Amino acid sequence: MTFLRSLLRRSHARNSLLCAGLDPEPAKLPHAVVSGSDAVFEFCRAIVDATADVVCAFKPQIAHFAALGAEDALRRLIAHIHTRHPGVPVILDAKRGDIGSTASHYASEAFDRYGADAATVNPYLGRDSVQPFLDRADRGVVILCRTSNPGSGEFQDLLVDGRPLYQHVAQRVAADWNGNGNCMLVVGATWPKELAQVRALVGTMPFLVPGIGAQGGDVEAVVRNGATPDGGGLVISSSRAILYAGSGRDFADAARAAAIEQRDAINRWR
């Protein structure tokens, strides 16, 4: 089954557009797990097991693992999700983008080494820098378009032939890069007007939407401006608000409660 088909099936089955980001930070880990030799894996596994029936996907951020030398924990975590919670897709947030020969290794890293179902990529080196990802028709390619960070407009809003650059990215992906039907776009919750503009350009192509919760994105505005006519087309990602909802021994229960609250808040506006 392809990534996007799996994602759609999961979203319908759980009535959820919520994606839980897995961004472990040692300073924020609960005391119940921080002293263990495998703390990063144990923490993330507990979050996964507590929230798997609430979300449509998980999104581990590779830098949070790599900076700790915890790449093996990341590999085991993704394997755990696939084994314990089959049908829940995993988006590896890696934002890769390099010349073609290097990009092929990055694609192998994401899909073969780690076993991710999809990966985020940066399009600004051009098509050849993401082609090895696009060629993996069964996997998802989640392409940065209008990102949620405050400085995103420095380049993404630059006018090219009278239109901002991010709109050219959106249109090029929809028209030329999506031959295998495996592309998504990253459009931040912090830019609802731009979210609507991208939706108008690309039709029903699904979006990964970071920026709710700690970054301040408004759920109502995201759904109103970004959803497809059937109330879907969105994978709305939340990391810190779920991961660190609690700091005691019941941290996983607190994460579950936060995830349910966010899922239900999204669904109220669908």
C-alpha atoms as a PDB file:
ATOM      1  CA  MET A   1       0.000   0.000   0.000  1.00  0.00           C
ATOM      2  CA  THR A   2       1.315   3.470  -0.852  1.00  0.00           C
ATOM      3  CA  PHE A   3       2.008   6.056   1.821  1.00  0.00           C
ATOM      4  CA  LEU A   4      -0.815   8.398   0.858  1.00  0.00           C
ATOM      5  CA  ARG A   5      -3.359   5.584   0.670  1.00  0.00           C
ATOM      6  CA  SER A   6      -2.244   4.358   4.082  1.00  0.00           C
ATOM      7  CA  LEU A   7      -2.443   7.890   5.469  1.00  0.00           C
ATOM      8  CA  LEU A   8      -5.951   8.417   4.111  1.00  0.00           C
ATOM      9  CA  ARG A   9      -7.140   5.069   5.434  1.00  0.00           C
ATOM     10  CA  ARG A  10      -5.726   5.811   8.882  1.00  0.00           C
ATOM     11  CA  SER A  11      -7.210   9.290   8.985  1.00  0.00           C
ATOM     12  CA  HIS A  12     -10.666   7.954   8.129  1.00  0.00           C
ATOM     13  CA  ALA A  13     -10.412   5.005  10.498  1.00  0.00           C
ATOM     14  CA  ARG A  14      -9.523   7.188  13.488  1.00  0.00           C
ATOM     15  CA  ASN A  15     -11.382  10.319  12.390  1.00  0.00           C
ATOM     16  CA  SER A  16      -8.147  12.223  12.947  1.00  0.00           C
ATOM     17  CA  LEU A  17      -6.030  14.781  11.115  1.00  0.00           C
ATOM     18  CA  LEU A  18      -3.550  14.989  14.002  1.00  0.00           C
ATOM     19  CA  CYS A  19       0.098  14.022  13.588  1.00  0.00           C
ATOM     20  CA  ALA A  20       2.232  13.673  16.711  1.00  0.00           C
ATOM     21  CA  GLY A  21       5.754  15.003  16.331  1.00  0.00           C
ATOM     22  CA  LEU A  22       8.484  13.093  18.141  1.00  0.00           C
ATOM     23  CA  ASP A  23      11.183  15.639  19.044  1.00  0.00           C
ATOM     24  CA  PRO A  24      12.930  14.368  22.192  1.00  0.00           C
ATOM     25  CA  GLU A  25      14.899  16.904  24.235  1.00  0.00           C
ATOM     26  CA  PRO A  26      16.815  15.437  27.211  1.00  0.00           C
ATOM     27  CA  ALA A  27      16.288  18.526  29.379  1.00  0.00           C
ATOM     28  CA  LYS A  28      12.522  18.104  29.084  1.00  0.00           C
ATOM     29  CA  LEU A  29      12.261  14.346  29.600  1.00  0.00           C
ATOM     30  CA  PRO A  30      10.299  13.264  32.683  1.00  0.00           C
ATOM     31  CA  HIS A  31      12.324  12.132  35.681  1.00  0.00           C
ATOM     32  CA  ALA A  32      10.654   8.731  35.369  1.00  0.00           C
ATOM     33  CA  VAL A  33      12.694   7.980  32.229  1.00  0.00           C
ATOM     34  CA  VAL A  34      15.572  10.455  32.158  1.00  0.00           C
ATOM     35  CA  SER A  35      17.924   8.312  34.221  1.00  0.00           C
ATOM     36  CA  GLY A  36      17.697   5.242  31.996  1.00  0.00           C
ATOM     37  CA  SER A  37      20.393   4.280  29.505  1.00  0.00           C
ATOM     38  CA  ASP A  38      17.790   4.120  26.721  1.00  0.00           C
ATOM     39  CA  ALA A  39      15.798   7.148  27.837  1.00  0.00           C
ATOM     40  CA  VAL A  40      15.110   8.643  24.414  1.00  0.00           C
ATOM     41  CA  PHE A  41      13.674   5.425  23.039  1.00  0.00           C
ATOM     42  CA  GLU A  42      11.702   4.618  26.191  1.00  0.00           C
ATOM     43  CA  PHE A  43      10.190   8.098  26.313  1.00  0.00           C
ATOM     44  CA  CYS A  44       9.183   8.155  22.658  1.00  0.00           C
ATOM     45  CA  ARG A  45       7.866   4.602  22.768  1.00  0.00           C
ATOM     46  CA  ALA A  46       5.650   5.479  25.719  1.00  0.00           C
ATOM     47  CA  ILE A  47       4.279   8.514  23.870  1.00  0.00           C
ATOM     48  CA  VAL A  48       3.653   6.424  20.755  1.00  0.00           C
ATOM     49  CA  ASP A  49       1.852   3.670  22.634  1.00  0.00           C
ATOM     50  CA  ALA A  50      -0.320   6.204  24.467  1.00  0.00           C
ATOM     51  CA  THR A  51      -1.368   8.163  21.378  1.00  0.00           C
ATOM     52  CA  ALA A  52      -1.310   5.726  18.447  1.00  0.00           C
ATOM     53  CA  ASP A  53      -5.084   5.297  18.332  1.00  0.00           C
ATOM     54  CA  VAL A  54      -5.611   9.071  18.355  1.00  0.00           C
ATOM     55  CA  VAL A  55      -3.330  10.207  15.528  1.00  0.00           C
ATOM     56  CA  CYS A  56      -3.164   9.706  11.774  1.00  0.00           C
ATOM     57  CA  ALA A  57       0.658   9.692  11.684  1.00  0.00           C
ATOM     58  CA  PHE A  58       3.855  10.125  13.668  1.00  0.00           C
ATOM     59  CA  LYS A  59       6.642  12.524  12.689  1.00  0.00           C
ATOM     60  CA  PRO A  60      10.036  11.938  14.323  1.00  0.00           C
ATOM     61  CA  GLN A  61      12.512  14.788  13.795  1.00  0.00           C
ATOM     62  CA  ILE A  62      15.861  13.302  12.807  1.00  0.00           C
ATOM     63  CA  ALA A  63      18.018  16.109  14.241  1.00  0.00           C
ATOM     64  CA  HIS A  64      16.695  15.523  17.744  1.00  0.00           C
ATOM     65  CA  PHE A  65      17.955  11.954  17.579  1.00  0.00           C
ATOM     66  CA  ALA A  66      21.161  12.515  15.615  1.00  0.00           C
ATOM     67  CA  ALA A  67      22.377  15.287  17.928  1.00  0.00           C
ATOM     68  CA  LEU A  68      22.217  12.788  20.791  1.00  0.00           C
ATOM     69  CA  GLY A  69      23.886   9.987  18.849  1.00  0.00           C
ATOM     70  CA  ALA A  70      20.542   8.202  19.094  1.00  0.00           C
ATOM     71  CA  GLU A  71      20.112   7.131  15.493  1.00  0.00           C
ATOM     72  CA  ASP A  72      19.649   3.529  16.574  1.00  0.00           C
ATOM     73  CA  ALA A  73      16.877   4.625  18.934  1.00  0.00           C
ATOM     74  CA  LEU A  74      15.179   6.305  15.963  1.00  0.00           C
ATOM     75  CA  ARG A  75      15.464   3.152  13.864  1.00  0.00           C
ATOM     76  CA  ARG A  76      14.044   1.015  16.660  1.00  0.00           C
ATOM     77  CA  LEU A  77      11.270   3.516  17.331  1.00  0.00           C
ATOM     78  CA  ILE A  78      10.061   3.450  13.722  1.00  0.00           C
ATOM     79  CA  ALA A  79      10.258  -0.353  13.728  1.00  0.00           C
ATOM     80  CA  HIS A  80       8.221  -0.378  16.935  1.00  0.00           C
ATOM     81  CA  ILE A  81       5.530   1.799  15.371  1.00  0.00           C
ATOM     82  CA  HIS A  82       5.284  -0.481  12.355  1.00  0.00           C
ATOM     83  CA  THR A  83       5.194  -3.640  14.462  1.00  0.00           C
ATOM     84  CA  ARG A  84       3.036  -2.564  17.386  1.00  0.00           C
ATOM     85  CA  HIS A  85       0.791  -0.105  15.533  1.00  0.00           C
ATOM     86  CA  PRO A  86       0.567  -1.295  11.925  1.00  0.00           C
ATOM     87  CA  GLY A  87      -1.147   1.118   9.607  1.00  0.00           C
ATOM     88  CA  VAL A  88       0.125   4.271  11.335  1.00  0.00           C
ATOM     89  CA  PRO A  89       2.415   6.007   8.818  1.00  0.00           C
ATOM     90  CA  VAL A  90       5.735   7.512   9.877  1.00  0.00           C
ATOM     91  CA  ILE A  91       6.959  10.770   8.331  1.00  0.00           C
ATOM     92  CA  LEU A  92      10.685  11.272   8.897  1.00  0.00           C
ATOM     93  CA  ASP A  93      11.219  15.002   9.306  1.00  0.00           C
ATOM     94  CA  ALA A  94      14.670  15.313   7.724  1.00  0.00           C
ATOM     95  CA  LYS A  95      14.283  18.212   5.237  1.00  0.00           C
ATOM     96  CA  ARG A  96      16.829  16.676   2.892  1.00  0.00           C
ATOM     97  CA  GLY A  97      17.852  18.262  -0.400  1.00  0.00           C
ATOM     98  CA  ASP A  98      21.176  17.838  -2.181  1.00  0.00           C
ATOM     99  CA  ILE A  99      22.679  17.053  -5.572  1.00  0.00           C
ATOM    100  CA  GLY A 100      21.292  13.923  -7.169  1.00  0.00           C
ATOM    101  CA  SER A 101      24.050  11.477  -6.264  1.00  0.00           C
ATOM    102  CA  THR A 102      23.895  12.519  -2.620  1.00  0.00           C
ATOM    103  CA  ALA A 103      20.109  12.723  -2.596  1.00  0.00           C
ATOM    104  CA  SER A 104      19.907   9.054  -3.542  1.00  0.00           C
ATOM    105  CA  HIS A 105      21.764   8.205  -0.337  1.00  0.00           C
ATOM    106  CA  TYR A 106      19.490  10.457   1.693  1.00  0.00           C
ATOM    107  CA  ALA A 107      16.467   8.668   0.213  1.00  0.00           C
ATOM    108  CA  SER A 108      17.991   5.313   1.111  1.00  0.00           C
ATOM    109  CA  GLU A 109      18.712   6.586   4.625  1.00  0.00           C
ATOM    110  CA  ALA A 110      15.095   7.629   5.179  1.00  0.00           C
ATOM    111  CA  PHE A 111      13.353   4.698   3.545  1.00  0.00           C
ATOM    112  CA  ASP A 112      15.779   1.772   3.831  1.00  0.00           C
ATOM    113  CA  ARG A 113      17.874   2.473   6.905  1.00  0.00           C
ATOM    114  CA  TYR A 114      15.111   3.949   9.059  1.00  0.00           C
ATOM    115  CA  GLY A 115      12.070   2.428   7.362  1.00  0.00           C
ATOM    116  CA  ALA A 116      10.100   5.676   7.184  1.00  0.00           C
ATOM    117  CA  ASP A 117       6.958   5.811   5.077  1.00  0.00           C
ATOM    118  CA  ALA A 118       7.602   9.407   4.004  1.00  0.00           C
ATOM    119  CA  ALA A 119      10.253  12.084   4.371  1.00  0.00           C
ATOM    120  CA  THR A 120      10.347  15.867   4.278  1.00  0.00           C
ATOM    121  CA  VAL A 121      12.547  17.391   1.586  1.00  0.00           C
ATOM    122  CA  ASN A 122      13.778  20.847   0.591  1.00  0.00           C
ATOM    123  CA  PRO A 123      13.075  21.749  -3.078  1.00  0.00           C
ATOM    124  CA  TYR A 124      15.419  24.695  -3.443  1.00  0.00           C
ATOM    125  CA  LEU A 125      18.173  22.802  -5.272  1.00  0.00           C
ATOM    126  CA  GLY A 126      15.675  21.840  -7.956  1.00  0.00           C
ATOM    127  CA  ARG A 127      14.006  18.631  -9.065  1.00  0.00           C
ATOM    128  CA  ASP A 128      17.159  16.516  -9.341  1.00  0.00           C
ATOM    129  CA  SER A 129      17.783  17.060  -5.619  1.00  0.00           C
ATOM    130  CA  VAL A 130      14.508  15.319  -4.714  1.00  0.00           C
ATOM    131  CA  GLN A 131      14.159  12.956  -7.680  1.00  0.00           C
ATOM    132  CA  PRO A 132      15.413   9.887  -5.758  1.00  0.00           C
ATOM    133  CA  PHE A 133      12.596  10.485  -3.275  1.00  0.00           C
ATOM    134  CA  LEU A 134      10.002  11.044  -6.004  1.00  0.00           C
ATOM    135  CA  ASP A 135      11.052   7.779  -7.641  1.00  0.00           C
ATOM    136  CA  ARG A 136      10.016   5.798  -4.565  1.00  0.00           C
ATOM    137  CA  ALA A 137       6.385   5.662  -5.631  1.00  0.00           C
ATOM    138  CA  ASP A 138       5.261   3.760  -2.549  1.00  0.00           C
ATOM    139  CA  ARG A 139       6.738   6.366  -0.174  1.00  0.00           C
ATOM    140  CA  GLY A 140       5.660   9.935   0.531  1.00  0.00           C
ATOM    141  CA  VAL A 141       7.625  13.044  -0.431  1.00  0.00           C
ATOM    142  CA  VAL A 142       6.692  15.993   1.790  1.00  0.00           C
ATOM    143  CA  ILE A 143       8.035  19.146   0.139  1.00  0.00           C
ATOM    144  CA  LEU A 144       8.692  22.424   1.933  1.00  0.00           C
ATOM    145  CA  CYS A 145       6.503  25.171   0.485  1.00  0.00           C
ATOM    146  CA  ARG A 146       5.520  27.919   2.971  1.00  0.00           C
ATOM    147  CA  THR A 147       7.103  26.961   6.249  1.00  0.00           C
ATOM    148  CA  SER A 148       5.894  27.950   9.714  1.00  0.00           C
ATOM    149  CA  ASN A 149       9.040  29.665  11.042  1.00  0.00           C
ATOM    150  CA  PRO A 150       9.077  33.472  11.452  1.00  0.00           C
ATOM    151  CA  GLY A 151      11.860  33.997   8.898  1.00  0.00           C
ATOM    152  CA  SER A 152      10.300  31.879   6.172  1.00  0.00           C
ATOM    153  CA  GLY A 153       9.206  34.858   4.126  1.00  0.00           C
ATOM    154  CA  GLU A 154      12.756  36.120   3.653  1.00  0.00           C
ATOM    155  CA  PHE A 155      13.049  33.995   0.531  1.00  0.00           C
ATOM    156  CA  GLN A 156       9.699  32.219   0.176  1.00  0.00           C
ATOM    157  CA  ASP A 157       7.834  35.529  -0.290  1.00  0.00           C
ATOM    158  CA  LEU A 158      10.213  36.930  -2.913  1.00  0.00           C
ATOM    159  CA  LEU A 159       8.297  37.884  -6.037  1.00  0.00           C
ATOM    160  CA  VAL A 160       9.135  35.926  -9.169  1.00  0.00           C
ATOM    161  CA  ASP A 161       7.189  36.971 -12.265  1.00  0.00           C
ATOM    162  CA  GLY A 162       4.791  38.799  -9.990  1.00  0.00           C
ATOM    163  CA  ARG A 163       4.068  35.904  -7.625  1.00  0.00           C
ATOM    164  CA  PRO A 164       5.779  34.812  -4.399  1.00  0.00           C
ATOM    165  CA  LEU A 165       8.286  32.001  -4.744  1.00  0.00           C
ATOM    166  CA  TYR A 166       6.337  29.589  -2.531  1.00  0.00           C
ATOM    167  CA  GLN A 167       3.460  29.695  -5.023  1.00  0.00           C
ATOM    168  CA  HIS A 168       5.811  28.697  -7.823  1.00  0.00           C
ATOM    169  CA  VAL A 169       6.992  25.782  -5.674  1.00  0.00           C
ATOM    170  CA  ALA A 170       3.428  24.663  -5.016  1.00  0.00           C
ATOM    171  CA  GLN A 171       2.409  24.859  -8.645  1.00  0.00           C
ATOM    172  CA  ARG A 172       5.555  23.136  -9.930  1.00  0.00           C
ATOM    173  CA  VAL A 173       5.146  20.250  -7.514  1.00  0.00           C
ATOM    174  CA  ALA A 174       1.469  19.802  -8.387  1.00  0.00           C
ATOM    175  CA  ALA A 175       1.963  20.082 -12.147  1.00  0.00           C
ATOM    176  CA  ASP A 176       5.345  18.424 -12.757  1.00  0.00           C
ATOM    177  CA  TRP A 177       6.741  16.552  -9.756  1.00  0.00           C
ATOM    178  CA  ASN A 178       3.749  14.541  -8.628  1.00  0.00           C
ATOM    179  CA  GLY A 179       3.708  11.982 -11.415  1.00  0.00           C
ATOM    180  CA  ASN A 180       3.617   9.116  -8.920  1.00  0.00           C
ATOM    181  CA  GLY A 181       0.942  10.785  -6.807  1.00  0.00           C
ATOM    182  CA  ASN A 182       3.170  10.632  -3.730  1.00  0.00           C
ATOM    183  CA  CYS A 183       3.735  14.324  -2.958  1.00  0.00           C
ATOM    184  CA  MET A 184       2.562  16.505  -0.088  1.00  0.00           C
ATOM    185  CA  LEU A 185       3.364  20.136   0.695  1.00  0.00           C
ATOM    186  CA  VAL A 186       4.488  21.663   3.979  1.00  0.00           C
ATOM    187  CA  VAL A 187       2.432  24.792   4.658  1.00  0.00           C
ATOM    188  CA  GLY A 188       2.620  26.306   8.124  1.00  0.00           C
ATOM    189  CA  ALA A 189      -0.357  26.906  10.385  1.00  0.00           C
ATOM    190  CA  THR A 190       1.098  30.321  11.173  1.00  0.00           C
ATOM    191  CA  TRP A 191       0.234  31.593   7.667  1.00  0.00           C
ATOM    192  CA  PRO A 192      -3.514  30.958   7.129  1.00  0.00           C
ATOM    193  CA  LYS A 193      -3.853  33.361   4.177  1.00  0.00           C
ATOM    194  CA  GLU A 194      -1.004  31.643   2.370  1.00  0.00           C
ATOM    195  CA  LEU A 195      -2.513  28.276   3.249  1.00  0.00           C
ATOM    196  CA  ALA A 196      -5.662  29.238   1.370  1.00  0.00           C
ATOM    197  CA  GLN A 197      -3.647  30.476  -1.603  1.00  0.00           C
ATOM    198  CA  VAL A 198      -1.714  27.229  -1.877  1.00  0.00           C
ATOM    199  CA  ARG A 199      -4.904  25.188  -1.581  1.00  0.00           C
ATOM    200  CA  ALA A 200      -6.384  27.145  -4.473  1.00  0.00           C
ATOM    201  CA  LEU A 201      -3.308  26.378  -6.592  1.00  0.00           C
ATOM    202  CA  VAL A 202      -2.952  22.638  -5.984  1.00  0.00           C
ATOM    203  CA  GLY A 203      -6.482  21.307  -5.517  1.00  0.00           C
ATOM    204  CA  THR A 204      -6.727  18.298  -3.226  1.00  0.00           C
ATOM    205  CA  MET A 205      -3.008  17.617  -2.727  1.00  0.00           C
ATOM    206  CA  PRO A 206      -2.528  16.922   0.994  1.00  0.00           C
ATOM    207  CA  PHE A 207      -0.631  19.307   3.269  1.00  0.00           C
ATOM    208  CA  LEU A 208       1.541  18.680   6.282  1.00  0.00           C
ATOM    209  CA  VAL A 209       0.754  21.611   8.555  1.00  0.00           C
ATOM    210  CA  PRO A 210       3.177  22.337  11.414  1.00  0.00           C
ATOM    211  CA  GLY A 211       2.847  25.278  13.755  1.00  0.00           C
ATOM    212  CA  ILE A 212      -0.192  24.711  15.979  1.00  0.00           C
ATOM    213  CA  GLY A 213       0.317  24.560  19.721  1.00  0.00           C
ATOM    214  CA  ALA A 214       3.670  26.014  20.825  1.00  0.00           C
ATOM    215  CA  GLN A 215       4.118  28.026  17.600  1.00  0.00           C
ATOM    216  CA  GLY A 216       0.730  29.670  17.923  1.00  0.00           C
ATOM    217  CA  GLY A 217      -1.093  28.532  14.795  1.00  0.00           C
ATOM    218  CA  ASP A 218      -4.883  28.744  14.986  1.00  0.00           C
ATOM    219  CA  VAL A 219      -6.707  25.454  14.401  1.00  0.00           C
ATOM    220  CA  GLU A 220      -9.911  27.049  13.112  1.00  0.00           C
ATOM    221  CA  ALA A 221      -7.976  29.123  10.572  1.00  0.00           C
ATOM    222  CA  VAL A 222      -6.012  26.085   9.418  1.00  0.00           C
ATOM    223  CA  VAL A 223      -9.101  23.988   8.759  1.00  0.00           C
ATOM    224  CA  ARG A 224     -11.079  26.845   7.223  1.00  0.00           C
ATOM    225  CA  ASN A 225      -8.269  27.816   4.844  1.00  0.00           C
ATOM    226  CA  GLY A 226      -6.566  24.501   4.175  1.00  0.00           C
ATOM    227  CA  ALA A 227      -9.073  21.663   4.231  1.00  0.00           C
ATOM    228  CA  THR A 228     -10.360  20.038   1.072  1.00  0.00           C
ATOM    229  CA  PRO A 229     -14.165  20.091   0.440  1.00  0.00           C
ATOM    230  CA  ASP A 230     -14.562  16.755   2.233  1.00  0.00           C
ATOM    231  CA  GLY A 231     -12.906  18.110   5.388  1.00  0.00           C
ATOM    232  CA  GLY A 232      -9.597  16.325   4.789  1.00  0.00           C
ATOM    233  CA  GLY A 233      -6.387  17.043   2.948  1.00  0.00           C
ATOM    234  CA  LEU A 234      -4.529  18.029   6.120  1.00  0.00           C
ATOM    235  CA  VAL A 235      -2.030  16.381   8.424  1.00  0.00           C
ATOM    236  CA  ILE A 236      -1.783  18.825  11.323  1.00  0.00           C
ATOM    237  CA  SER A 237       1.365  18.315  13.343  1.00  0.00           C
ATOM    238  CA  SER A 238       1.860  19.030  17.028  1.00  0.00           C
ATOM    239  CA  SER A 239       5.011  18.134  18.928  1.00  0.00           C
ATOM    240  CA  ARG A 240       5.803  19.931  22.184  1.00  0.00           C
ATOM    241  CA  ALA A 241       2.186  20.389  23.282  1.00  0.00           C
ATOM    242  CA  ILE A 242       1.766  16.609  23.245  1.00  0.00           C
ATOM    243  CA  LEU A 243       5.243  15.382  24.204  1.00  0.00           C
ATOM    244  CA  TYR A 244       5.635  17.565  27.249  1.00  0.00           C
ATOM    245  CA  ALA A 245       2.039  17.822  28.415  1.00  0.00           C
ATOM    246  CA  GLY A 246       3.126  16.158  31.657  1.00  0.00           C
ATOM    247  CA  SER A 247       6.386  15.708  33.533  1.00  0.00           C
ATOM    248  CA  GLY A 248       5.492  13.143  36.175  1.00  0.00           C
ATOM    249  CA  ARG A 249       5.160   9.378  36.024  1.00  0.00           C
ATOM    250  CA  ASP A 250       1.866   9.840  34.228  1.00  0.00           C
ATOM    251  CA  PHE A 251       3.522  11.742  31.350  1.00  0.00           C
ATOM    252  CA  ALA A 252       2.191   9.308  28.752  1.00  0.00           C
ATOM    253  CA  ASP A 253      -1.372   9.665  30.028  1.00  0.00           C
ATOM    254  CA  ALA A 254      -0.972  13.449  29.907  1.00  0.00           C
ATOM    255  CA  ALA A 255       0.284  13.189  26.321  1.00  0.00           C
ATOM    256  CA  ARG A 256      -2.722  11.087  25.393  1.00  0.00           C
ATOM    257  CA  ALA A 257      -5.114  13.595  26.951  1.00  0.00           C
ATOM    258  CA  ALA A 258      -3.426  16.453  25.076  1.00  0.00           C
ATOM    259  CA  ALA A 259      -3.598  14.531  21.796  1.00  0.00           C
ATOM    260  CA  ILE A 260      -7.301  13.785  22.251  1.00  0.00           C
ATOM    261  CA  GLU A 261      -7.961  17.433  23.037  1.00  0.00           C
ATOM    262  CA  GLN A 262      -6.128  18.569  19.901  1.00  0.00           C
ATOM    263  CA  ARG A 263      -7.765  15.952  17.663  1.00  0.00           C
ATOM    264  CA  ASP A 264     -11.201  16.958  18.904  1.00  0.00           C
ATOM    265  CA  ALA A 265     -10.434  20.671  18.501  1.00  0.00           C
ATOM    266  CA  ILE A 266      -9.482  20.050  14.874  1.00  0.00           C
ATOM    267  CA  ASN A 267     -12.585  17.965  14.234  1.00  0.00           C
ATOM    268  CA  ARG A 268     -14.892  20.666  15.592  1.00  0.00           C
ATOM    269  CA  TRP A 269     -13.982  22.850  12.610  1.00  0.00           C
ATOM    270  CA  ARG A 270     -14.087  20.184   9.865  1.00  0.00           C
END
